[in-house]
Amino acid sequence: MIVQGAHVVTVTGAEIPDGHVVVDGNRITAVGAGPVPRDGRGDHEVVDGRGCLLTPGFVNTHDHLYQWVTRGLAVDATLFEWLTTLYPVWAGIDEHAVHTGASGALAQLALTGCTTSSDHHYVFPREGGDVLGAEIRAAADVGLRFHATRGSMDLGRSDGGLPPDHVVEGTDAILAASAEAVARWHDPAPGAMLRVALAPCSPFSVTGDLMRLSAELARELGVHLHTHLAETHDEDAFCRERFGCSPLEYVAGLGWTGPDVWFAHGIHLADDAVATVGATRTGVAHCPSSNARLGAGIARTRDLRDAGARVGLGVDGAASNEAGSLLEEARHAVLFARAVGGPTALSVRDAVELATMGGAAVLGREAEIGSIEPGKLADLALWRIDGLPHADVADPVAALVLGAPPPLERLVVDGCTVVDRGRVVTVDTAAIARECVAVHRSLIAKAG
């Protein structure tokens, strides 16, 4: 494949107003100015990129894909109120519900420029079947690069945690299932389409023993670690009352900092916590839309980046971000950072970097994805910006980030087309939408 005539944003500092990118197999082999000479095109498909902006594919660093079928509930609630409303609904999920929800969420992510997604799945109903396998199948169906995390909860309400007792698991069972998930699915090879991480849910739904043992197991198996942290003031109060320290101090004492760890949200971090996250090269999945939807706050994105933290973007679960758009996260990251930090807090190019190389670094894939360079995997998004909403925007990157969401002309993952002219070509999105409605109604009926 050759894309030529587009404004190429490499994310390595270079932009090529009339550039070309050559893809052989699943790798980028050349990037340059002007068209590729005809005698150098061989049997490549030539994609006309005139009027378009070409970026690396976006990377989603935090999500709960199954929540796509539980959207629109508890829309005016706090985080803890929202969780207590939704847990009885989520307790009814099974393989079919998760595959359906994940298919819908991943297809929407693809339509908003996402080529790599992680997912944090921590609800495993006893009669639900292979729910982790269901979302892995959905990612393969849609065609996105996927980082599944085997989540867990072992601290139920009767023991002082937040989740109902019937959706938590025993510590030994969790560790066994975590090891089995890695053995079954994790692909450590370069260019992998599927990787697995371990992901105890949060300090208020997981015991300290599980946090510590999960960290030990992940390092033994050579996989990454993920959890929610510092999302709300309530969480901070919970940790100080129960553990006598901040959320970050608590998890750091259990082995949860370092370049193999990333936190979802990281909103309520004091100066010393920001410094610790940066000094240890810990990652943060910034989820501005969900944070705003739940009134949780605004992460210190600029400060975290300046401190040395790896920061990417996440849409979070669709039950707290009904749009499920990764492009919208880039826009909101800029706007929210400027709302609290002034007009220079984040630039539009910072937003694209967060969505691409930032996310790649969070997932440990910065050597393979996140920029447009020879040798990198061919994960690309081609955005059309020559229509009425964007044609006269002087800066094409500003057109993408600050303008109306532009049409996605082409999305390429691992060298294969997933979206063509605004349509997902790998799955039937109309059929998925119908099934999402049926599953949503079934879950609500189950919950009573």
Protein backbone atom coordinates (compact mmCIF):
# COMPACT_ATOMS: atom_id res chain seq x y z
CA MET A 1 0.00 0.00 0.00
CA ILE A 2 1.15 3.55 -0.76
CA VAL A 3 -0.59 6.58 0.73
CA GLN A 4 0.45 9.77 -1.03
CA GLY A 5 -0.57 13.42 -1.19
CA ALA A 6 -1.53 13.60 2.50
CA HIS A 7 -0.28 15.89 5.25
CA VAL A 8 1.80 13.33 7.15
CA VAL A 9 2.18 13.76 10.91
CA THR A 10 5.01 11.44 11.89
CA VAL A 11 4.86 12.33 15.64
CA THR A 12 8.67 12.25 15.67
CA GLY A 13 8.74 16.02 15.18
CA ALA A 14 8.48 16.03 11.39
CA GLU A 15 5.41 16.92 9.36
CA ILE A 16 5.28 16.53 5.60
CA PRO A 17 2.58 18.68 3.95
CA ASP A 18 2.52 16.62 0.73
CA GLY A 19 3.97 13.31 1.75
CA HIS A 20 3.91 9.63 1.06
CA VAL A 21 4.09 6.49 3.20
CA VAL A 22 4.91 3.09 1.75
CA VAL A 23 3.70 -0.10 3.44
CA ASP A 24 5.00 -3.58 2.61
CA GLY A 25 3.19 -6.35 4.43
CA ASN A 26 2.60 -5.10 7.96
CA ARG A 27 5.55 -2.66 8.09
CA ILE A 28 6.19 0.91 7.02
CA THR A 29 9.13 0.85 4.62
CA ALA A 30 9.41 4.47 3.47
CA VAL A 31 8.24 7.96 4.42
CA GLY A 32 8.99 11.02 2.32
CA ALA A 33 7.89 14.14 0.49
CA GLY A 34 5.98 14.22 -2.76
CA PRO A 35 4.64 11.23 -4.71
CA VAL A 36 6.35 7.88 -5.06
CA PRO A 37 7.80 7.61 -8.60
CA ARG A 38 5.65 5.43 -10.84
CA ASP A 39 8.46 3.00 -11.46
CA GLY A 40 8.76 2.49 -7.69
CA ARG A 41 5.13 1.62 -7.07
CA GLY A 42 5.26 -2.01 -8.18
CA ASP A 43 2.03 -3.82 -7.32
CA HIS A 44 1.18 -1.56 -4.36
CA GLU A 45 -2.34 -0.23 -3.92
CA VAL A 46 -2.08 3.56 -4.23
CA VAL A 47 -4.34 5.49 -1.85
CA ASP A 48 -5.00 9.12 -2.81
CA GLY A 49 -4.38 11.10 0.36
CA ARG A 50 -4.99 14.56 -1.09
CA GLY A 51 -7.19 16.58 1.24
CA CYS A 52 -6.33 14.25 4.13
CA LEU A 53 -4.22 14.16 7.27
CA LEU A 54 -2.28 10.96 7.97
CA THR A 55 -1.47 10.11 11.58
CA PRO A 56 -0.30 7.00 13.39
CA GLY A 57 -3.20 4.91 14.64
CA PHE A 58 -4.45 5.94 18.07
CA VAL A 59 -3.80 3.81 21.16
CA ASN A 60 -6.51 3.31 23.80
CA THR A 61 -4.88 2.63 27.17
CA HIS A 62 -7.97 2.05 29.35
CA ASP A 63 -11.43 0.68 28.69
CA HIS A 64 -14.12 -1.70 29.92
CA LEU A 65 -15.46 -2.98 26.63
CA TYR A 66 -18.42 -4.94 27.97
CA GLN A 67 -19.93 -1.70 29.28
CA TRP A 68 -20.96 -0.79 25.72
CA VAL A 69 -24.20 -2.71 26.40
CA THR A 70 -24.87 -0.85 29.70
CA ARG A 71 -24.75 2.74 28.48
CA GLY A 72 -27.00 5.55 29.66
CA LEU A 73 -27.51 4.42 33.27
CA ALA A 74 -26.89 6.51 36.42
CA VAL A 75 -25.98 9.47 34.22
CA ASP A 76 -26.09 12.02 37.04
CA ALA A 77 -24.39 9.95 39.76
CA THR A 78 -21.05 10.13 41.58
CA LEU A 79 -18.53 7.35 40.92
CA PHE A 80 -19.48 5.29 43.98
CA GLU A 81 -23.23 5.81 43.34
CA TRP A 82 -22.68 4.88 39.69
CA LEU A 83 -20.80 1.71 40.66
CA THR A 84 -23.43 0.55 43.15
CA THR A 85 -26.13 1.11 40.49
CA LEU A 86 -24.24 -0.74 37.74
CA TYR A 87 -22.74 -3.70 39.63
CA PRO A 88 -26.10 -5.58 39.76
CA VAL A 89 -26.44 -5.11 35.98
CA TRP A 90 -22.85 -6.18 35.25
CA ALA A 91 -23.32 -9.27 37.42
CA GLY A 92 -25.53 -10.64 34.62
CA ILE A 93 -22.94 -10.54 31.84
CA ASP A 94 -21.85 -13.70 30.05
CA GLU A 95 -19.76 -14.63 27.01
CA HIS A 96 -22.39 -13.49 24.54
CA ALA A 97 -22.96 -10.15 26.27
CA VAL A 98 -19.23 -9.45 26.46
CA HIS A 99 -18.58 -10.42 22.85
CA THR A 100 -21.46 -8.23 21.72
CA GLY A 101 -20.45 -5.24 23.84
CA ALA A 102 -16.78 -5.56 22.95
CA SER A 103 -17.61 -5.80 19.25
CA GLY A 104 -19.63 -2.59 19.42
CA ALA A 105 -17.05 -0.71 21.47
CA LEU A 106 -14.11 -1.81 19.32
CA ALA A 107 -15.89 -0.97 16.08
CA GLN A 108 -16.60 2.52 17.42
CA LEU A 109 -12.97 2.86 18.49
CA ALA A 110 -11.89 1.94 14.97
CA LEU A 111 -14.17 4.63 13.51
CA THR A 112 -12.44 7.19 15.76
CA GLY A 113 -8.89 6.35 14.69
CA CYS A 114 -7.95 3.62 17.17
CA THR A 115 -5.70 0.79 15.97
CA THR A 116 -4.60 -0.59 19.37
CA SER A 117 -6.82 -0.97 22.41
CA SER A 118 -6.31 -2.28 25.90
CA ASP A 119 -9.17 -3.47 28.07
CA HIS A 120 -9.55 -3.85 31.83
CA HIS A 121 -11.99 -6.69 32.46
CA TYR A 122 -12.55 -7.53 36.12
CA VAL A 123 -16.15 -8.84 36.34
CA PHE A 124 -16.25 -12.65 36.13
CA PRO A 125 -19.72 -13.97 37.05
CA ARG A 126 -19.60 -17.59 38.16
CA GLU A 127 -21.94 -18.74 35.38
CA GLY A 128 -20.67 -16.29 32.76
CA GLY A 129 -18.40 -18.62 30.80
CA ASP A 130 -15.20 -17.49 29.09
CA VAL A 131 -15.77 -13.74 29.14
CA LEU A 132 -12.11 -12.81 28.64
CA GLY A 133 -11.93 -15.06 25.62
CA ALA A 134 -15.10 -13.44 24.30
CA GLU A 135 -13.56 -9.97 24.13
CA ILE A 136 -10.36 -11.36 22.64
CA ARG A 137 -12.45 -12.92 19.85
CA ALA A 138 -14.19 -9.58 19.32
CA ALA A 139 -10.85 -7.78 18.89
CA ALA A 140 -9.78 -10.37 16.34
CA ASP A 141 -13.10 -10.00 14.50
CA VAL A 142 -12.84 -6.21 14.26
CA GLY A 143 -9.13 -6.41 13.51
CA LEU A 144 -7.58 -4.23 16.20
CA ARG A 145 -4.30 -4.82 17.99
CA PHE A 146 -5.33 -5.79 21.52
CA HIS A 147 -3.94 -5.75 25.05
CA ALA A 148 -6.36 -7.71 27.26
CA THR A 149 -5.93 -7.43 31.00
CA ARG A 150 -7.10 -10.18 33.34
CA GLY A 151 -8.74 -8.06 36.02
CA SER A 152 -9.90 -9.19 39.44
CA MET A 153 -11.77 -8.30 42.63
CA ASP A 154 -11.46 -10.20 45.93
CA LEU A 155 -12.72 -7.59 48.41
CA GLY A 156 -16.50 -7.76 48.59
CA ARG A 157 -18.91 -5.58 50.51
CA SER A 158 -19.02 -7.88 53.53
CA ASP A 159 -15.25 -7.40 53.94
CA GLY A 160 -15.36 -3.60 53.62
CA GLY A 161 -15.00 -3.33 49.84
CA LEU A 162 -17.36 -1.75 47.33
CA PRO A 163 -18.46 -4.58 44.98
CA PRO A 164 -21.23 -7.03 45.90
CA ASP A 165 -19.91 -10.32 47.25
CA HIS A 166 -21.30 -12.36 44.34
CA VAL A 167 -19.03 -10.66 41.77
CA VAL A 168 -15.73 -11.15 43.63
CA GLU A 169 -13.43 -14.19 43.43
CA GLY A 170 -11.05 -15.92 45.81
CA THR A 171 -7.40 -14.84 45.74
CA ASP A 172 -6.04 -18.26 44.81
CA ALA A 173 -8.58 -18.68 42.02
CA ILE A 174 -7.67 -15.24 40.64
CA LEU A 175 -3.96 -15.98 40.58
CA ALA A 176 -4.53 -19.33 38.89
CA ALA A 177 -6.82 -17.77 36.28
CA SER A 178 -4.34 -14.94 35.71
CA ALA A 179 -1.48 -17.35 35.06
CA GLU A 180 -3.71 -19.40 32.75
CA ALA A 181 -4.74 -16.31 30.77
CA VAL A 182 -1.11 -15.37 30.16
CA ALA A 183 -0.19 -18.92 29.15
CA ARG A 184 -3.17 -19.16 26.82
CA TRP A 185 -3.13 -15.79 25.08
CA HIS A 186 -0.09 -13.61 25.72
CA ASP A 187 2.14 -13.20 22.68
CA PRO A 188 5.51 -11.61 23.62
CA ALA A 189 6.81 -11.69 20.03
CA PRO A 190 7.58 -8.45 18.15
CA GLY A 191 4.58 -7.25 16.19
CA ALA A 192 2.11 -9.16 18.36
CA MET A 193 -1.58 -8.54 17.79
CA LEU A 194 -2.49 -9.83 21.28
CA ARG A 195 -0.89 -9.33 24.67
CA VAL A 196 -2.11 -9.89 28.23
CA ALA A 197 -1.51 -7.95 31.46
CA LEU A 198 -2.70 -8.50 35.05
CA ALA A 199 -5.10 -5.96 36.50
CA PRO A 200 -6.56 -6.08 40.02
CA CYS A 201 -9.38 -3.56 39.94
CA SER A 202 -8.72 -0.88 42.58
CA PRO A 203 -7.69 -0.31 46.22
CA PHE A 204 -11.34 -0.42 47.33
CA SER A 205 -12.18 -3.73 45.63
CA VAL A 206 -8.97 -5.71 46.06
CA THR A 207 -6.99 -6.89 49.10
CA GLY A 208 -3.40 -5.90 49.64
CA ASP A 209 -2.40 -9.54 49.36
CA LEU A 210 -3.86 -9.79 45.87
CA MET A 211 -2.15 -6.58 44.78
CA ARG A 212 1.23 -7.81 46.03
CA LEU A 213 0.87 -11.35 44.70
CA SER A 214 -0.36 -10.11 41.31
CA ALA A 215 2.71 -7.89 40.99
CA GLU A 216 4.98 -10.81 41.84
CA LEU A 217 3.19 -13.08 39.36
CA ALA A 218 3.25 -10.52 36.55
CA ARG A 219 6.99 -10.02 36.93
CA GLU A 220 7.57 -13.75 37.04
CA LEU A 221 5.60 -14.11 33.80
CA GLY A 222 7.04 -10.99 32.14
CA VAL A 223 3.76 -9.11 31.66
CA HIS A 224 2.56 -5.64 32.62
CA LEU A 225 0.35 -4.48 35.51
CA HIS A 226 -2.69 -2.21 35.45
CA THR A 227 -5.16 -0.84 38.02
CA HIS A 228 -7.39 2.14 38.77
CA LEU A 229 -5.74 4.70 41.02
CA ALA A 230 -6.37 8.19 42.43
CA GLU A 231 -9.63 8.61 40.54
CA THR A 232 -11.74 10.37 43.21
CA HIS A 233 -11.53 12.18 46.52
CA ASP A 234 -13.57 9.32 47.99
CA GLU A 235 -10.83 6.87 47.05
CA ASP A 236 -8.22 9.07 48.70
CA ALA A 237 -10.29 9.24 51.89
CA PHE A 238 -10.84 5.44 51.79
CA CYS A 239 -7.09 4.76 51.57
CA ARG A 240 -6.17 7.25 54.28
CA GLU A 241 -8.80 5.87 56.65
CA ARG A 242 -8.12 2.20 55.94
CA PHE A 243 -4.36 2.20 55.25
CA GLY A 244 -3.14 5.47 56.75
CA CYS A 245 -1.63 6.74 53.50
CA SER A 246 -2.45 8.04 50.03
CA PRO A 247 -3.52 5.66 47.24
CA LEU A 248 -0.13 5.92 45.54
CA GLU A 249 1.80 5.33 48.76
CA TYR A 250 -0.37 2.28 49.41
CA VAL A 251 0.16 0.60 46.03
CA ALA A 252 3.83 1.62 45.83
CA GLY A 253 4.40 -0.30 49.04
CA LEU A 254 2.95 -3.38 47.33
CA GLY A 255 5.31 -3.17 44.34
CA TRP A 256 3.07 -1.15 42.04
CA THR A 257 5.34 1.43 40.43
CA GLY A 258 7.75 1.15 37.53
CA PRO A 259 7.91 0.97 33.74
CA ASP A 260 5.78 -2.20 33.71
CA VAL A 261 2.88 -0.53 35.59
CA TRP A 262 0.18 1.84 34.40
CA PHE A 263 -2.65 3.44 36.34
CA ALA A 264 -6.06 4.45 35.04
CA HIS A 265 -7.00 8.08 35.79
CA GLY A 266 -4.32 9.34 38.22
CA ILE A 267 -6.33 12.49 38.91
CA HIS A 268 -5.80 13.22 42.60
CA LEU A 269 -2.02 13.06 42.87
CA ALA A 270 -0.18 15.52 45.10
CA ASP A 271 3.17 17.00 44.05
CA ASP A 272 5.18 14.24 45.72
CA ALA A 273 3.01 11.57 44.07
CA VAL A 274 3.46 13.17 40.63
CA ALA A 275 7.21 13.17 41.23
CA THR A 276 7.16 9.49 42.23
CA VAL A 277 5.12 8.46 39.20
CA GLY A 278 7.53 10.34 36.96
CA ALA A 279 10.74 9.16 38.60
CA THR A 280 9.65 5.52 38.37
CA ARG A 281 8.45 5.88 34.75
CA THR A 282 5.04 4.59 35.76
CA GLY A 283 2.30 5.04 33.16
CA VAL A 284 -1.01 6.89 33.41
CA ALA A 285 -4.10 6.37 31.24
CA HIS A 286 -5.71 9.82 31.07
CA CYS A 287 -9.50 9.50 30.55
CA PRO A 288 -10.77 13.09 30.37
CA SER A 289 -14.31 12.40 29.10
CA SER A 290 -15.13 9.76 31.71
CA ASN A 291 -13.52 11.84 34.44
CA ALA A 292 -15.76 14.74 33.47
CA ARG A 293 -18.88 12.58 33.05
CA LEU A 294 -18.47 11.32 36.65
CA GLY A 295 -17.32 14.69 38.01
CA ALA A 296 -14.11 13.08 39.25
CA GLY A 297 -11.73 15.89 38.32
CA ILE A 298 -9.01 16.74 35.80
CA ALA A 299 -5.69 14.91 35.75
CA ARG A 300 -2.43 16.88 35.98
CA THR A 301 -1.40 15.84 32.49
CA ARG A 302 1.20 18.53 31.91
CA ASP A 303 2.80 17.99 35.32
CA LEU A 304 2.89 14.22 34.86
CA ARG A 305 4.54 14.51 31.45
CA ASP A 306 7.05 17.04 32.73
CA ALA A 307 7.89 14.73 35.65
CA GLY A 308 8.74 11.90 33.24
CA ALA A 309 5.60 9.77 33.49
CA ARG A 310 4.39 7.85 30.46
CA VAL A 311 0.95 9.32 29.69
CA GLY A 312 -1.56 8.07 27.14
CA LEU A 313 -5.30 8.40 26.56
CA GLY A 314 -8.19 6.10 27.40
CA VAL A 315 -11.90 6.26 26.64
CA ASP A 316 -12.78 4.26 29.81
CA GLY A 317 -15.91 2.12 29.81
CA ALA A 318 -18.88 3.25 27.76
CA ALA A 319 -21.10 3.25 30.86
CA SER A 320 -19.21 6.40 31.89
CA ASN A 321 -18.38 7.66 28.39
CA GLU A 322 -21.17 6.84 26.02
CA ALA A 323 -19.30 8.23 22.98
CA GLY A 324 -16.40 5.76 23.15
CA SER A 325 -14.38 8.02 20.83
CA LEU A 326 -10.61 8.16 21.14
CA LEU A 327 -10.46 11.27 18.97
CA GLU A 328 -12.76 13.00 21.46
CA GLU A 329 -10.30 12.14 24.25
CA ALA A 330 -7.53 13.98 22.40
CA ARG A 331 -9.73 17.06 22.07
CA HIS A 332 -10.85 16.95 25.70
CA ALA A 333 -7.29 16.42 26.93
CA VAL A 334 -6.31 19.75 25.40
CA LEU A 335 -9.41 21.66 26.46
CA PHE A 336 -9.45 20.44 30.06
CA ALA A 337 -5.71 20.96 30.53
CA ARG A 338 -6.06 24.54 29.29
CA ALA A 339 -9.16 25.14 31.42
CA VAL A 340 -7.08 24.62 34.57
CA GLY A 341 -3.53 25.34 33.35
CA GLY A 342 -3.86 28.13 30.81
CA PRO A 343 -3.55 28.25 27.02
CA THR A 344 -0.08 26.67 26.88
CA ALA A 345 -0.83 23.69 29.16
CA LEU A 346 -1.14 21.30 26.18
CA SER A 347 -0.78 21.95 22.46
CA VAL A 348 -2.78 20.27 19.70
CA ARG A 349 0.35 18.32 18.77
CA ASP A 350 0.73 17.23 22.38
CA ALA A 351 -2.78 15.79 22.05
CA VAL A 352 -1.84 13.75 18.99
CA GLU A 353 1.31 12.58 20.77
CA LEU A 354 -0.73 11.48 23.80
CA ALA A 355 -3.07 9.53 21.52
CA THR A 356 -0.22 7.80 19.66
CA MET A 357 3.33 7.60 21.05
CA GLY A 358 2.14 8.36 24.57
CA GLY A 359 -0.26 5.44 24.52
CA ALA A 360 2.30 3.19 22.85
CA ALA A 361 4.77 3.95 25.63
CA VAL A 362 2.16 3.23 28.31
CA LEU A 363 1.63 -0.26 26.82
CA GLY A 364 5.34 -0.84 26.27
CA ARG A 365 5.01 -0.76 22.46
CA GLU A 366 6.78 2.53 21.61
CA ALA A 367 9.43 0.72 19.55
CA GLU A 368 6.73 -0.76 17.30
CA ILE A 369 3.76 1.61 17.05
CA GLY A 370 2.83 5.24 17.77
CA SER A 371 4.76 7.05 15.02
CA ILE A 372 5.15 6.94 11.24
CA GLU A 373 8.70 5.73 10.65
CA PRO A 374 10.31 3.05 8.46
CA GLY A 375 10.41 -0.24 10.32
CA LYS A 376 7.36 0.44 12.48
CA LEU A 377 4.14 -1.53 12.23
CA ALA A 378 1.67 -0.23 9.65
CA ASP A 379 -1.02 1.12 12.00
CA LEU A 380 -2.31 4.28 10.30
CA ALA A 381 -5.31 6.63 10.31
CA LEU A 382 -6.15 8.77 7.27
CA TRP A 383 -8.52 11.64 8.11
CA ARG A 384 -10.39 13.67 5.47
CA ILE A 385 -10.10 17.39 6.24
CA ASP A 386 -11.06 19.06 2.94
CA GLY A 387 -14.80 19.30 3.61
CA LEU A 388 -16.84 22.22 4.96
CA PRO A 389 -16.02 21.66 8.67
CA HIS A 390 -12.23 21.72 8.10
CA ALA A 391 -11.18 23.00 4.67
CA ASP A 392 -10.26 26.53 5.76
CA VAL A 393 -8.67 25.63 9.11
CA ALA A 394 -5.13 26.94 8.71
CA ASP A 395 -3.46 24.23 10.81
CA PRO A 396 -4.40 20.68 9.74
CA VAL A 397 -3.54 19.26 13.16
CA ALA A 398 -5.82 21.83 14.80
CA ALA A 399 -8.51 20.82 12.29
CA LEU A 400 -8.26 17.25 13.59
CA VAL A 401 -8.05 18.02 17.31
CA LEU A 402 -10.17 21.15 17.71
CA GLY A 403 -12.53 20.93 14.75
CA ALA A 404 -15.57 18.73 14.29
CA PRO A 405 -14.70 15.01 14.14
CA PRO A 406 -13.52 14.52 10.54
CA PRO A 407 -14.49 11.57 8.36
CA LEU A 408 -12.07 8.64 8.62
CA GLU A 409 -11.03 7.85 5.07
CA ARG A 410 -8.98 4.77 5.89
CA LEU A 411 -7.83 2.90 9.01
CA VAL A 412 -5.03 0.40 8.59
CA VAL A 413 -4.02 -2.08 11.32
CA ASP A 414 -1.00 -4.32 10.80
CA GLY A 415 -1.13 -3.45 7.11
CA CYS A 416 -4.81 -4.45 6.73
CA THR A 417 -7.73 -2.11 6.07
CA VAL A 418 -10.29 -2.04 8.91
CA VAL A 419 -12.17 1.16 7.98
CA ASP A 420 -12.71 2.39 4.43
CA ARG A 421 -14.47 5.71 3.74
CA GLY A 422 -16.10 5.83 7.16
CA ARG A 423 -17.30 2.22 7.17
CA VAL A 424 -15.93 -0.68 9.20
CA VAL A 425 -15.27 -3.39 6.63
CA THR A 426 -14.42 -6.27 8.97
CA VAL A 427 -17.75 -6.66 10.81
CA ASP A 428 -21.42 -5.85 10.25
CA THR A 429 -21.95 -2.84 12.50
CA ALA A 430 -25.70 -2.69 11.86
CA ALA A 431 -26.11 -6.27 13.08
CA ILE A 432 -23.90 -5.54 16.09
CA ALA A 433 -26.02 -2.51 16.95
CA ARG A 434 -29.21 -4.59 16.89
CA GLU A 435 -27.66 -7.24 19.12
CA CYS A 436 -26.37 -4.58 21.53
CA VAL A 437 -29.95 -3.39 22.05
CA ALA A 438 -31.14 -6.94 22.73
CA VAL A 439 -28.33 -7.63 25.20
CA HIS A 440 -28.88 -4.31 26.99
CA ARG A 441 -32.57 -5.10 27.49
CA SER A 442 -31.75 -8.61 28.69
CA LEU A 443 -29.24 -7.35 31.30
CA ILE A 444 -31.68 -4.75 32.63
CA ALA A 445 -34.40 -7.41 32.92
CA LYS A 446 -32.01 -9.77 34.76
CA ALA A 447 -31.09 -7.06 37.26
CA GLY A 448 -34.77 -6.63 38.07
